[in-house]
Amino acid sequence: MNYIITYTIYVLILSVLMGLTTWKLFKKMGYNPLLSFVPFYNYVIILKETNHSKWWAILAYLPIVGPIMMSVFHIFLMKKFGKRGAVDAFLTVILPFIYMATVNYGKDPQVETEEEEEEGKKKETFLGSVTFAVVFATIIHTFITQPFGIPTGSMERTLLVGDFLFVNKWAYGYRMPMRPVALPFLQGTIFDTGQKGNPKDDPKSYVDAVKLPYLRLPAYDEIKRYDIVVFNYPQDSVHTSIDRKDPYVKRCVGIPGDVIEFRAGRLFVNNAPEKILGDEYQQHGYLVKSNSQLDILQLYKAYGFLPAQENQTNEGFVYAFQGLTDQTAKEIKELPGVTEMTEIVEEKGEGAVRYKVNADKTAYTKNIDTTNSIYPVNKPWNQDWYGPLRIPKKGDVVKLDQETLPMYKWIISEYEHNKLENKNGKIFVNGQETSQYTIKQNYYMMIGDNRDASLDARFFGVVPEENIVGRPMFTWLSVEGLFADANSTYQAPGKKIRWDRMFKATNTGEANKTSYWWVAVAILVLFFGWDFFANLFKKKKEED
């Protein structure tokens, strides 16, 4: 209800601005000037007078697409009054209500004659096609399915670095856009200013001041245990809007109410070993000692993904491998020259342990940072010895004290938007002292398949329902070597397309995935067919 009320207020404000800046132009076209204030119908009139499909007016009131279509309709109106230049179009888009007001209140604006209008339209066919393509793609991107790239190896080998996915945004319930005024196709920022700048200063791709509350439409499916899920990173401090936070993709290993635990790097759900699906490849990190140098590039070609750090010692070579399956680890152990191979498992009771090479490069030692990098911050857990942790469920009544507060702090204050205070050993929620709290939404445990190279829920905590984006459907493009791997001394030898992965289903849990080539063909036919038949119908109508 809050979403609808807020959205209605924005529509009314825009309609008032539209009326104040165009009423005289509507009167010149032969209409009651008050109609310029009427939402939806004012754009129907513009489309009718400029010989465009009147149903397009619906598009003006869709989030993201709406501002684009409004700009297009404003340009139509300005052209109706002879303002066809590039500067006119630019000013209409950048300063719509100011520029339209100058025309509206200018000296006796005149409607174009039919001859002038026909001559102007002949020059705008290409621009119209481009606009249609952008609007069509924006509708698909915003309301149906969103493309998503895999830049890191946290889900190897299930999802490969360089895979590009289409994400179904309706499966778990479509989340309405929360920043309706935004540039199409961009997630959070227009471009990255670089490492020296503050990410918060990067130019945003959306208008943060125009905001709508969270609203999710009914789902036709629910998140199941072991689904691969795309979600917005919960603790992204750069973007305040939930739907503009960085997108992540992980496996949901725990649903609301589950108890998850890692024992020596192996996951247990509800005290039972996790279920391994047919398309899932679990990987772990290993230290390998060798009396001769290994051919890492050849291993890369053989296994496709093999981040490695190499250091030479007095006794030979030491390699820190990430992303090794049990089978890959077995095969590397049998390579000539390999003298010792040990899985990297952090010691129980030590928080956030990392392996780090000594200054003289003779051996690896442990570097204990702080428990602040693990969730929750007051537990002596690490990525290999984690939990047991019960995942919060909507309706749970949880105990609040100094011991449990770190687990629920972000949930109460950030995800469920309450004022939380911890003063003199007492806990206050919205000004009321309390020793318990009722969870308002469901939460999920998102973990990467590449367990030792994944920034996941073990570090940033459980993921709230409102951050869920959708479920990956299929891989539409896969390019090896597209993204550099910061964790490896070695990179892919060049770039190449992985044709065998394209248009294959993503989230089936089956080893042999279904091909979706027909979807690609259908999209192309729909796109080009629509344009072709629309022009054919228009031509036939003109001839009649």
Protein backbone atom coordinates (compact mmCIF):
# COMPACT_ATOMS: atom_id res chain seq x y z
CA MET A 1 0.00 0.00 0.00
CA ASN A 2 2.84 2.43 0.83
CA TYR A 3 4.34 1.74 -2.60
CA ILE A 4 1.08 2.60 -4.38
CA ILE A 5 0.53 5.76 -2.33
CA THR A 6 4.08 7.02 -2.91
CA TYR A 7 3.88 6.18 -6.62
CA THR A 8 0.54 8.01 -6.94
CA ILE A 9 2.00 11.13 -5.32
CA TYR A 10 4.85 11.17 -7.86
CA VAL A 11 2.38 10.76 -10.74
CA LEU A 12 0.24 13.64 -9.48
CA ILE A 13 3.28 15.92 -9.08
CA LEU A 14 4.41 15.14 -12.65
CA SER A 15 0.87 15.71 -13.97
CA VAL A 16 0.67 19.13 -12.32
CA LEU A 17 4.04 20.09 -13.80
CA MET A 18 2.89 18.79 -17.18
CA GLY A 19 -0.27 20.87 -17.04
CA LEU A 20 1.46 24.06 -15.88
CA THR A 21 3.99 23.88 -18.71
CA THR A 22 1.81 22.71 -21.65
CA TRP A 23 -1.81 23.86 -21.12
CA LYS A 24 -1.53 26.55 -23.79
CA LEU A 25 -0.13 24.03 -26.29
CA PHE A 26 -3.09 21.71 -25.66
CA LYS A 27 -5.42 24.65 -26.28
CA LYS A 28 -3.65 25.38 -29.58
CA MET A 29 -4.24 21.73 -30.61
CA GLY A 30 -7.97 22.24 -30.00
CA TYR A 31 -8.38 20.66 -26.56
CA ASN A 32 -9.55 21.91 -23.22
CA PRO A 33 -6.34 23.12 -21.51
CA LEU A 34 -7.36 21.36 -18.29
CA LEU A 35 -6.80 18.02 -20.05
CA SER A 36 -3.06 18.72 -19.93
CA PHE A 37 -3.28 18.08 -16.16
CA VAL A 38 -5.00 14.69 -16.48
CA PRO A 39 -2.60 11.75 -15.92
CA PHE A 40 -2.35 9.27 -18.78
CA TYR A 41 -4.95 11.03 -20.94
CA ASN A 42 -2.64 14.01 -21.56
CA TYR A 43 -0.12 11.63 -23.17
CA VAL A 44 -2.90 9.86 -25.12
CA ILE A 45 -3.74 13.23 -26.68
CA ILE A 46 -0.11 13.90 -27.59
CA LEU A 47 0.24 10.47 -29.22
CA LYS A 48 -3.03 10.92 -31.09
CA GLU A 49 -2.01 14.33 -32.41
CA THR A 50 1.45 13.10 -33.48
CA ASN A 51 0.08 9.93 -35.15
CA HIS A 52 1.57 7.39 -32.76
CA SER A 53 -0.02 4.39 -31.05
CA LYS A 54 -2.10 5.65 -28.16
CA TRP A 55 -1.42 2.57 -25.99
CA TRP A 56 2.18 3.76 -25.67
CA ALA A 57 0.89 6.11 -22.96
CA ILE A 58 0.88 3.13 -20.58
CA LEU A 59 4.68 2.96 -20.84
CA ALA A 60 5.03 6.46 -19.38
CA TYR A 61 3.97 5.17 -15.98
CA LEU A 62 6.30 2.20 -15.66
CA PRO A 63 9.38 2.54 -13.39
CA ILE A 64 12.70 3.01 -15.25
CA VAL A 65 10.94 2.90 -18.65
CA GLY A 66 8.57 5.72 -17.71
CA PRO A 67 11.09 8.60 -17.67
CA ILE A 68 12.41 7.48 -21.07
CA MET A 69 8.94 7.35 -22.61
CA MET A 70 7.92 10.65 -21.03
CA SER A 71 10.95 12.27 -22.62
CA VAL A 72 9.98 10.74 -25.98
CA PHE A 73 6.41 12.03 -25.67
CA HIS A 74 7.63 15.49 -24.69
CA ILE A 75 9.83 15.51 -27.78
CA PHE A 76 6.79 14.51 -29.88
CA LEU A 77 4.90 17.48 -28.46
CA MET A 78 7.74 19.92 -29.12
CA LYS A 79 8.05 18.69 -32.70
CA LYS A 80 4.33 19.27 -33.13
CA PHE A 81 5.15 22.93 -32.56
CA GLY A 82 8.15 22.99 -34.90
CA LYS A 83 10.91 22.36 -32.33
CA ARG A 84 12.71 19.61 -34.26
CA GLY A 85 16.37 20.56 -33.83
CA ALA A 86 18.96 18.56 -31.88
CA VAL A 87 19.24 21.38 -29.34
CA ASP A 88 15.46 21.36 -28.86
CA ALA A 89 15.49 17.62 -28.20
CA PHE A 90 18.43 17.93 -25.80
CA LEU A 91 16.77 20.68 -23.77
CA THR A 92 13.47 18.78 -23.73
CA VAL A 93 15.19 15.74 -22.21
CA ILE A 94 17.49 17.56 -19.77
CA LEU A 95 15.13 20.37 -18.70
CA PRO A 96 11.72 19.08 -19.76
CA PHE A 97 9.32 21.25 -17.83
CA ILE A 98 11.49 24.36 -18.06
CA TYR A 99 11.96 24.12 -21.84
CA MET A 100 8.33 23.18 -22.52
CA ALA A 101 7.28 26.17 -20.38
CA THR A 102 9.36 28.52 -22.55
CA VAL A 103 7.53 27.23 -25.62
CA ASN A 104 4.14 27.20 -23.86
CA TYR A 105 4.45 30.76 -22.58
CA GLY A 106 6.42 32.00 -25.59
CA LYS A 107 5.12 34.28 -28.27
CA ASP A 108 2.14 32.62 -29.98
CA PRO A 109 3.36 29.00 -30.50
CA GLN A 110 2.02 27.52 -33.75
CA VAL A 111 1.16 23.93 -34.67
CA GLU A 112 3.12 22.58 -37.63
CA THR A 113 1.37 22.22 -40.95
CA GLU A 114 0.91 18.69 -42.35
CA GLU A 115 3.60 19.35 -44.99
CA GLU A 116 6.15 20.47 -42.37
CA GLU A 117 5.33 17.50 -40.15
CA GLU A 118 5.69 14.98 -42.99
CA GLU A 119 9.04 16.43 -44.05
CA GLY A 120 10.37 16.24 -40.49
CA LYS A 121 9.28 12.63 -40.00
CA LYS A 122 11.23 11.42 -43.04
CA LYS A 123 14.47 12.37 -41.29
CA GLU A 124 13.67 10.56 -38.03
CA THR A 125 13.18 6.92 -39.05
CA PHE A 126 16.58 5.77 -37.75
CA LEU A 127 16.24 7.64 -34.46
CA GLY A 128 12.81 6.14 -33.93
CA SER A 129 14.15 2.61 -34.48
CA VAL A 130 16.96 3.18 -31.97
CA THR A 131 14.50 4.54 -29.41
CA PHE A 132 12.23 1.54 -29.89
CA ALA A 133 15.17 -0.83 -29.44
CA VAL A 134 16.26 0.89 -26.20
CA VAL A 135 12.72 0.90 -24.79
CA PHE A 136 12.10 -2.73 -25.73
CA ALA A 137 15.39 -3.86 -24.17
CA THR A 138 14.74 -1.76 -21.04
CA ILE A 139 11.32 -3.37 -20.54
CA ILE A 140 12.86 -6.85 -20.83
CA HIS A 141 15.76 -5.91 -18.51
CA THR A 142 13.59 -4.23 -15.87
CA PHE A 143 10.46 -6.35 -15.77
CA ILE A 144 11.25 -9.81 -17.11
CA THR A 145 14.84 -11.01 -17.03
CA GLN A 146 18.13 -9.32 -16.20
CA PRO A 147 21.56 -10.27 -17.57
CA PHE A 148 24.22 -10.95 -14.94
CA GLY A 149 27.95 -11.66 -15.35
CA ILE A 150 30.20 -13.90 -13.24
CA PRO A 151 33.44 -11.94 -12.55
CA THR A 152 34.88 -14.11 -9.74
CA GLY A 153 35.46 -17.78 -9.04
CA SER A 154 33.28 -18.17 -5.94
CA MET A 155 30.88 -20.52 -7.79
CA GLU A 156 33.43 -22.41 -9.89
CA ARG A 157 33.03 -24.89 -11.48
CA THR A 158 29.27 -24.75 -11.34
CA LEU A 159 29.30 -21.24 -12.80
CA LEU A 160 32.50 -20.24 -14.56
CA VAL A 161 34.26 -16.88 -14.53
CA GLY A 162 33.08 -15.20 -17.73
CA ASP A 163 29.61 -16.80 -17.73
CA PHE A 164 26.74 -14.41 -18.44
CA LEU A 165 23.34 -15.44 -17.14
CA PHE A 166 19.74 -14.45 -17.64
CA VAL A 167 18.00 -14.13 -14.27
CA ASN A 168 14.29 -14.86 -13.81
CA LYS A 169 13.01 -11.97 -11.70
CA TRP A 170 9.51 -13.41 -11.19
CA ALA A 171 10.19 -16.89 -9.76
CA TYR A 172 10.59 -15.72 -6.15
CA GLY A 173 8.22 -12.78 -6.56
CA TYR A 174 8.98 -9.72 -8.68
CA ARG A 175 10.49 -6.92 -6.61
CA MET A 176 9.20 -3.56 -7.80
CA PRO A 177 11.92 -1.00 -8.65
CA MET A 178 12.74 1.25 -5.73
CA ARG A 179 14.52 3.98 -7.72
CA PRO A 180 12.19 4.56 -10.69
CA VAL A 181 14.28 7.30 -12.31
CA ALA A 182 17.46 5.66 -13.60
CA LEU A 183 19.58 5.08 -16.66
CA PRO A 184 18.65 1.79 -18.33
CA PHE A 185 20.93 -1.28 -18.15
CA LEU A 186 23.16 0.12 -15.37
CA GLN A 187 23.11 -1.32 -11.85
CA GLY A 188 24.49 1.25 -9.41
CA THR A 189 27.06 3.57 -10.95
CA ILE A 190 27.73 4.99 -14.40
CA PHE A 191 31.46 4.32 -14.18
CA ASP A 192 34.15 3.53 -11.62
CA THR A 193 36.45 6.41 -10.68
CA GLY A 194 39.21 3.98 -9.72
CA GLN A 195 40.93 2.73 -6.60
CA LYS A 196 42.14 6.17 -5.51
CA GLY A 197 38.63 7.57 -5.32
CA ASN A 198 35.88 6.93 -2.80
CA PRO A 199 33.29 4.53 -4.32
CA LYS A 200 30.56 6.63 -2.71
CA ASP A 201 31.62 9.50 -5.00
CA ASP A 202 31.17 7.47 -8.19
CA PRO A 203 28.40 8.97 -10.36
CA LYS A 204 25.15 7.11 -9.65
CA SER A 205 23.06 5.67 -12.46
CA TYR A 206 19.84 6.57 -10.64
CA VAL A 207 18.22 9.52 -8.88
CA ASP A 208 18.42 8.66 -5.19
CA ALA A 209 16.00 11.41 -4.17
CA VAL A 210 13.11 9.80 -6.07
CA LYS A 211 12.47 6.65 -4.06
CA LEU A 212 9.75 4.06 -3.58
CA PRO A 213 9.32 1.64 -0.64
CA TYR A 214 9.97 -2.09 -0.87
CA LEU A 215 7.22 -4.13 -2.51
CA ARG A 216 7.41 -7.71 -3.80
CA LEU A 217 4.65 -9.22 -5.93
CA PRO A 218 3.40 -12.75 -5.22
CA ALA A 219 5.81 -15.54 -6.22
CA TYR A 220 5.01 -18.66 -8.22
CA ASP A 221 7.88 -20.55 -6.58
CA GLU A 222 9.89 -20.38 -3.36
CA ILE A 223 13.60 -20.48 -2.68
CA LYS A 224 14.52 -24.10 -2.14
CA ARG A 225 17.52 -25.44 -0.32
CA TYR A 226 20.51 -25.65 -2.74
CA ASP A 227 18.98 -23.28 -5.32
CA ILE A 228 21.44 -20.92 -7.00
CA VAL A 229 20.17 -17.41 -6.22
CA VAL A 230 21.03 -13.87 -7.33
CA PHE A 231 20.71 -11.26 -4.58
CA ASN A 232 21.89 -7.77 -3.71
CA TYR A 233 24.91 -7.67 -1.41
CA PRO A 234 23.38 -6.83 2.01
CA GLN A 235 26.24 -4.78 3.41
CA ASP A 236 26.94 -2.62 0.35
CA SER A 237 27.50 0.78 1.97
CA VAL A 238 27.83 2.67 -1.33
CA HIS A 239 24.19 2.40 -2.39
CA THR A 240 21.34 3.07 0.02
CA SER A 241 18.69 1.57 -2.24
CA ILE A 242 18.35 -2.20 -1.80
CA ASP A 243 17.79 -2.88 -5.51
CA ARG A 244 20.88 -0.87 -6.47
CA LYS A 245 23.35 -2.70 -4.27
CA ASP A 246 25.92 -4.94 -5.98
CA PRO A 247 24.45 -8.22 -7.29
CA TYR A 248 25.93 -11.48 -6.00
CA VAL A 249 25.25 -15.10 -6.97
CA LYS A 250 25.65 -17.99 -4.51
CA ARG A 251 24.03 -21.27 -3.57
CA CYS A 252 21.31 -21.11 -0.92
CA VAL A 253 22.49 -23.83 1.46
CA GLY A 254 20.09 -22.87 4.24
CA ILE A 255 16.49 -21.67 4.20
CA PRO A 256 14.64 -19.99 7.10
CA GLY A 257 14.69 -22.20 10.20
CA ASP A 258 17.61 -24.39 9.06
CA VAL A 259 20.68 -24.92 11.24
CA ILE A 260 23.93 -24.85 9.27
CA GLU A 261 27.43 -25.77 10.40
CA PHE A 262 30.87 -26.20 8.84
CA ARG A 263 33.08 -28.92 10.26
CA ALA A 264 36.63 -28.96 8.89
CA GLY A 265 35.42 -27.22 5.72
CA ARG A 266 32.49 -29.60 5.14
CA LEU A 267 28.94 -28.30 5.34
CA PHE A 268 26.21 -29.85 7.47
CA VAL A 269 22.57 -28.76 7.24
CA ASN A 270 20.29 -29.68 10.11
CA ASN A 271 23.08 -31.93 11.43
CA ALA A 272 23.27 -33.94 8.17
CA PRO A 273 25.89 -33.70 5.36
CA GLU A 274 24.75 -31.37 2.62
CA LYS A 275 23.20 -32.79 -0.53
CA ILE A 276 25.50 -32.56 -3.57
CA LEU A 277 23.57 -31.89 -6.79
CA GLY A 278 24.50 -33.22 -10.20
CA ASP A 279 25.74 -29.86 -11.51
CA GLU A 280 27.56 -28.86 -8.33
CA TYR A 281 31.34 -28.90 -8.00
CA GLN A 282 32.66 -28.33 -4.52
CA GLN A 283 36.20 -27.03 -4.31
CA HIS A 284 38.71 -26.39 -1.58
CA GLY A 285 42.14 -24.85 -1.16
CA TYR A 286 45.36 -26.88 -0.98
CA LEU A 287 49.05 -26.28 -0.24
CA VAL A 288 51.29 -28.24 -2.60
CA LYS A 289 55.02 -28.72 -2.19
CA SER A 290 57.09 -29.80 -5.16
CA ASN A 291 60.80 -30.37 -5.80
CA SER A 292 60.37 -29.05 -9.36
CA GLN A 293 58.34 -26.28 -10.94
CA LEU A 294 54.84 -27.27 -12.06
CA ASP A 295 53.48 -26.31 -15.47
CA ILE A 296 50.57 -24.21 -14.21
CA LEU A 297 49.51 -23.00 -17.66
CA GLN A 298 49.21 -26.58 -18.86
CA LEU A 299 47.19 -27.43 -15.77
CA TYR A 300 44.99 -24.40 -16.48
CA LYS A 301 44.31 -25.68 -19.99
CA ALA A 302 43.51 -29.13 -18.63
CA TYR A 303 41.19 -28.04 -15.82
CA GLY A 304 39.88 -24.70 -17.06
CA PHE A 305 40.10 -22.93 -13.72
CA LEU A 306 43.13 -23.09 -11.46
CA PRO A 307 44.00 -20.00 -9.40
CA ALA A 308 47.45 -20.51 -7.94
CA GLN A 309 50.14 -18.61 -6.08
CA GLU A 310 53.72 -19.83 -6.52
CA ASN A 311 56.67 -19.27 -4.20
CA GLN A 312 60.16 -20.73 -4.52
CA THR A 313 61.87 -21.99 -1.37
CA ASN A 314 65.24 -23.55 -0.53
CA GLU A 315 63.61 -26.97 -0.76
CA GLY A 316 61.73 -26.41 -4.00
CA PHE A 317 58.39 -24.79 -4.75
CA VAL A 318 55.24 -24.11 -2.72
CA TYR A 319 51.89 -23.60 -4.44
CA ALA A 320 48.66 -22.35 -2.87
CA PHE A 321 45.83 -23.68 -5.00
CA GLN A 322 42.21 -22.62 -4.87
CA GLY A 323 39.25 -24.26 -6.52
CA LEU A 324 40.31 -27.91 -6.50
CA THR A 325 37.67 -30.60 -6.57
CA ASP A 326 38.42 -33.89 -4.85
CA GLN A 327 39.22 -35.46 -8.23
CA THR A 328 41.42 -32.55 -9.36
CA ALA A 329 43.31 -32.61 -6.06
CA LYS A 330 43.91 -36.36 -6.44
CA GLU A 331 45.32 -35.91 -9.95
CA ILE A 332 47.61 -33.02 -8.95
CA LYS A 333 48.91 -35.04 -6.02
CA GLU A 334 50.04 -37.73 -8.46
CA LEU A 335 52.00 -35.29 -10.66
CA PRO A 336 55.77 -35.92 -10.95
CA GLY A 337 57.69 -33.77 -8.47
CA VAL A 338 54.85 -33.28 -5.98
CA THR A 339 56.14 -34.30 -2.55
CA GLU A 340 53.35 -33.14 -0.25
CA MET A 341 49.76 -31.96 -0.58
CA THR A 342 47.63 -30.67 2.30
CA GLU A 343 44.09 -29.30 2.30
CA ILE A 344 43.97 -25.84 3.83
CA VAL A 345 41.72 -26.18 6.86
CA GLU A 346 41.78 -23.46 9.47
CA GLU A 347 42.06 -24.45 13.11
CA LYS A 348 38.91 -24.67 15.16
CA GLY A 349 38.38 -21.76 17.52
CA GLU A 350 40.45 -19.26 15.52
CA GLY A 351 38.56 -16.46 13.85
CA ALA A 352 39.30 -15.31 10.29
CA VAL A 353 42.54 -17.24 9.81
CA ARG A 354 44.39 -16.76 6.54
CA TYR A 355 47.52 -18.40 5.16
CA LYS A 356 50.29 -15.96 4.33
CA VAL A 357 53.77 -16.54 2.95
CA ASN A 358 56.74 -15.52 5.13
CA ALA A 359 58.90 -12.57 4.17
CA ASP A 360 61.75 -14.90 3.14
CA LYS A 361 59.29 -17.04 1.10
CA THR A 362 60.29 -20.23 2.88
CA ALA A 363 56.94 -21.32 4.24
CA TYR A 364 53.32 -20.41 4.87
CA THR A 365 52.15 -19.26 8.27
CA LYS A 366 48.80 -18.23 9.66
CA ASN A 367 47.84 -14.61 9.91
CA ILE A 368 45.04 -14.07 12.42
CA ASP A 369 43.19 -10.84 11.62
CA THR A 370 40.13 -10.50 13.81
CA THR A 371 36.76 -12.10 14.33
CA ASN A 372 35.24 -8.92 12.89
CA SER A 373 35.50 -10.47 9.43
CA ILE A 374 33.24 -13.36 10.33
CA TYR A 375 29.51 -13.35 11.15
CA PRO A 376 28.62 -12.79 13.91
CA VAL A 377 31.57 -10.78 15.19
CA ASN A 378 31.67 -12.25 18.71
CA LYS A 379 32.06 -15.90 17.67
CA PRO A 380 35.48 -17.63 17.38
CA TRP A 381 34.39 -19.11 14.04
CA ASN A 382 36.10 -19.22 10.67
CA GLN A 383 35.14 -20.39 7.20
CA ASP A 384 36.04 -24.04 7.95
CA TRP A 385 34.69 -24.26 11.50
CA TYR A 386 31.48 -22.29 11.49
CA GLY A 387 28.30 -22.55 13.55
CA PRO A 388 26.00 -24.10 14.41
CA LEU A 389 23.88 -21.16 13.28
CA ARG A 390 20.09 -21.11 13.08
CA ILE A 391 18.84 -19.04 10.15
CA PRO A 392 16.18 -16.53 11.27
CA LYS A 393 12.62 -17.13 10.08
CA LYS A 394 9.74 -14.67 9.84
CA GLY A 395 7.85 -14.79 13.12
CA ASP A 396 10.78 -16.06 15.22
CA VAL A 397 10.96 -14.46 18.66
CA VAL A 398 14.66 -14.19 19.46
CA LYS A 399 16.33 -13.42 22.76
CA LEU A 400 18.27 -10.15 22.93
CA ASP A 401 21.22 -9.75 25.28
CA GLN A 402 24.87 -8.77 24.98
CA GLU A 403 25.75 -12.27 23.71
CA THR A 404 23.08 -12.51 20.98
CA LEU A 405 23.00 -8.87 19.91
CA PRO A 406 25.89 -9.14 17.38
CA MET A 407 23.92 -11.82 15.52
CA TYR A 408 20.78 -9.71 15.21
CA LYS A 409 22.19 -6.18 15.14
CA TRP A 410 22.14 -5.72 11.36
CA ILE A 411 18.82 -7.55 11.06
CA ILE A 412 17.06 -5.24 13.49
CA SER A 413 18.65 -1.93 12.50
CA GLU A 414 19.50 -2.23 8.80
CA TYR A 415 17.33 -4.94 7.28
CA GLU A 416 14.17 -4.33 9.29
CA HIS A 417 14.72 -0.58 9.68
CA ASN A 418 14.40 -0.06 13.43
CA LYS A 419 16.25 2.28 15.73
CA LEU A 420 18.53 0.04 17.80
CA GLU A 421 20.46 1.28 20.83
CA ASN A 422 22.76 -0.51 23.26
CA LYS A 423 23.24 1.72 26.31
CA ASN A 424 24.64 0.79 29.71
CA GLY A 425 24.11 -2.90 29.07
CA LYS A 426 20.46 -2.37 28.10
CA ILE A 427 19.01 -2.85 24.62
CA PHE A 428 16.42 -0.47 23.17
CA VAL A 429 14.40 -0.97 19.96
CA ASN A 430 12.60 2.16 18.77
CA GLY A 431 13.09 3.70 22.20
CA GLN A 432 11.65 0.75 24.15
CA GLU A 433 13.84 -1.39 26.39
CA THR A 434 13.48 -5.04 25.40
CA SER A 435 14.96 -8.50 25.88
CA GLN A 436 13.43 -10.04 22.76
CA TYR A 437 12.61 -9.24 19.15
CA THR A 438 10.19 -10.70 16.57
CA ILE A 439 11.79 -11.30 13.16
CA LYS A 440 9.81 -9.53 10.40
CA GLN A 441 11.07 -11.30 7.25
CA ASN A 442 12.76 -14.51 6.12
CA TYR A 443 16.53 -14.90 5.82
CA TYR A 444 18.78 -17.20 3.80
CA MET A 445 22.32 -18.59 3.98
CA MET A 446 24.14 -17.99 0.69
CA ILE A 447 27.46 -19.86 0.24
CA GLY A 448 29.76 -20.22 -2.78
CA ASP A 449 30.61 -23.68 -4.16
CA ASN A 450 34.29 -22.70 -4.20
CA ARG A 451 34.36 -22.76 -0.42
CA ASP A 452 37.84 -21.33 0.21
CA ALA A 453 37.53 -18.49 -2.30
CA SER A 454 34.07 -17.13 -1.62
CA LEU A 455 32.95 -13.94 0.08
CA ASP A 456 29.62 -15.22 1.31
CA ALA A 457 27.19 -15.36 4.24
CA ARG A 458 29.89 -16.67 6.57
CA PHE A 459 31.32 -13.14 6.37
CA PHE A 460 28.48 -10.73 5.55
CA GLY A 461 25.75 -12.67 7.36
CA VAL A 462 22.34 -13.98 6.44
CA VAL A 463 20.62 -12.46 3.40
CA PRO A 464 17.20 -10.81 3.93
CA GLU A 465 14.28 -11.69 1.69
CA GLU A 466 14.02 -8.12 0.42
CA ASN A 467 17.49 -8.44 -1.17
CA ILE A 468 16.53 -11.41 -3.36
CA VAL A 469 16.69 -10.61 -7.11
CA GLY A 470 15.81 -13.92 -8.74
CA ARG A 471 16.87 -17.30 -10.05
CA PRO A 472 19.38 -17.80 -12.89
CA MET A 473 17.74 -19.46 -15.90
CA PHE A 474 20.47 -20.11 -18.46
CA THR A 475 23.92 -19.02 -19.65
CA TRP A 476 23.58 -16.87 -22.77
CA LEU A 477 27.30 -16.20 -23.21
CA SER A 478 30.50 -17.64 -21.76
CA VAL A 479 33.96 -16.19 -22.41
CA GLU A 480 37.10 -17.69 -20.90
CA GLY A 481 39.75 -15.16 -19.85
CA LEU A 482 37.36 -12.19 -19.86
CA PHE A 483 37.99 -11.24 -16.22
CA ALA A 484 41.41 -11.12 -14.56
CA ASP A 485 41.81 -13.26 -11.43
CA ALA A 486 43.31 -11.25 -8.57
CA ASN A 487 43.94 -14.46 -6.60
CA SER A 488 46.22 -16.05 -9.17
CA THR A 489 49.75 -15.50 -10.45
CA TYR A 490 48.52 -17.02 -13.72
CA GLN A 491 45.79 -15.87 -16.05
CA ALA A 492 43.88 -17.57 -18.84
CA PRO A 493 45.98 -17.79 -22.04
CA GLY A 494 43.82 -15.44 -24.15
CA LYS A 495 40.09 -15.10 -24.54
CA LYS A 496 37.80 -17.63 -26.16
CA ILE A 497 34.08 -18.32 -26.27
CA ARG A 498 32.90 -21.47 -24.53
CA TRP A 499 30.32 -22.51 -27.12
CA ASP A 500 29.39 -25.66 -25.20
CA ARG A 501 28.00 -23.59 -22.29
CA MET A 502 25.89 -21.12 -24.23
CA PHE A 503 22.12 -21.23 -23.74
CA LYS A 504 22.37 -24.09 -21.27
CA ALA A 505 20.04 -24.18 -18.25
CA THR A 506 21.67 -23.00 -15.03
CA ASN A 507 19.63 -23.90 -12.01
CA THR A 508 18.48 -27.46 -12.67
CA GLY A 509 20.75 -29.43 -10.33
CA GLU A 510 21.33 -31.88 -13.18
CA ALA A 511 24.68 -32.76 -14.74
CA ASN A 512 23.28 -32.81 -18.30
CA LYS A 513 21.67 -29.42 -18.80
CA THR A 514 18.92 -28.50 -21.23
CA SER A 515 19.75 -26.23 -24.18
CA TYR A 516 17.69 -23.06 -24.63
CA TRP A 517 18.73 -22.04 -28.13
CA TRP A 518 15.04 -21.68 -28.99
CA VAL A 519 14.78 -18.82 -26.48
CA ALA A 520 17.48 -16.87 -28.33
CA VAL A 521 15.73 -17.46 -31.65
CA ALA A 522 12.35 -16.43 -30.17
CA ILE A 523 13.80 -13.17 -28.77
CA LEU A 524 15.38 -12.27 -32.11
CA VAL A 525 12.20 -13.08 -34.02
CA LEU A 526 10.10 -11.07 -31.58
CA PHE A 527 12.42 -8.07 -31.72
CA PHE A 528 12.97 -7.85 -35.47
CA GLY A 529 9.51 -9.21 -36.31
CA TRP A 530 7.79 -6.55 -34.24
CA ASP A 531 9.71 -3.77 -35.98
CA PHE A 532 9.12 -5.30 -39.44
CA PHE A 533 5.38 -5.82 -39.06
CA ALA A 534 4.89 -2.48 -37.33
CA ASN A 535 6.50 -0.69 -40.30
CA LEU A 536 4.57 -2.87 -42.76
CA PHE A 537 1.27 -2.08 -41.04
CA LYS A 538 2.11 1.61 -40.95
CA LYS A 539 3.01 1.65 -44.65
CA LYS A 540 -0.20 -0.16 -45.58
CA LYS A 541 -2.23 2.27 -43.50
CA GLU A 542 -0.59 5.23 -45.25
CA GLU A 543 -1.32 3.71 -48.67
CA ASP A 544 -4.98 3.24 -47.76
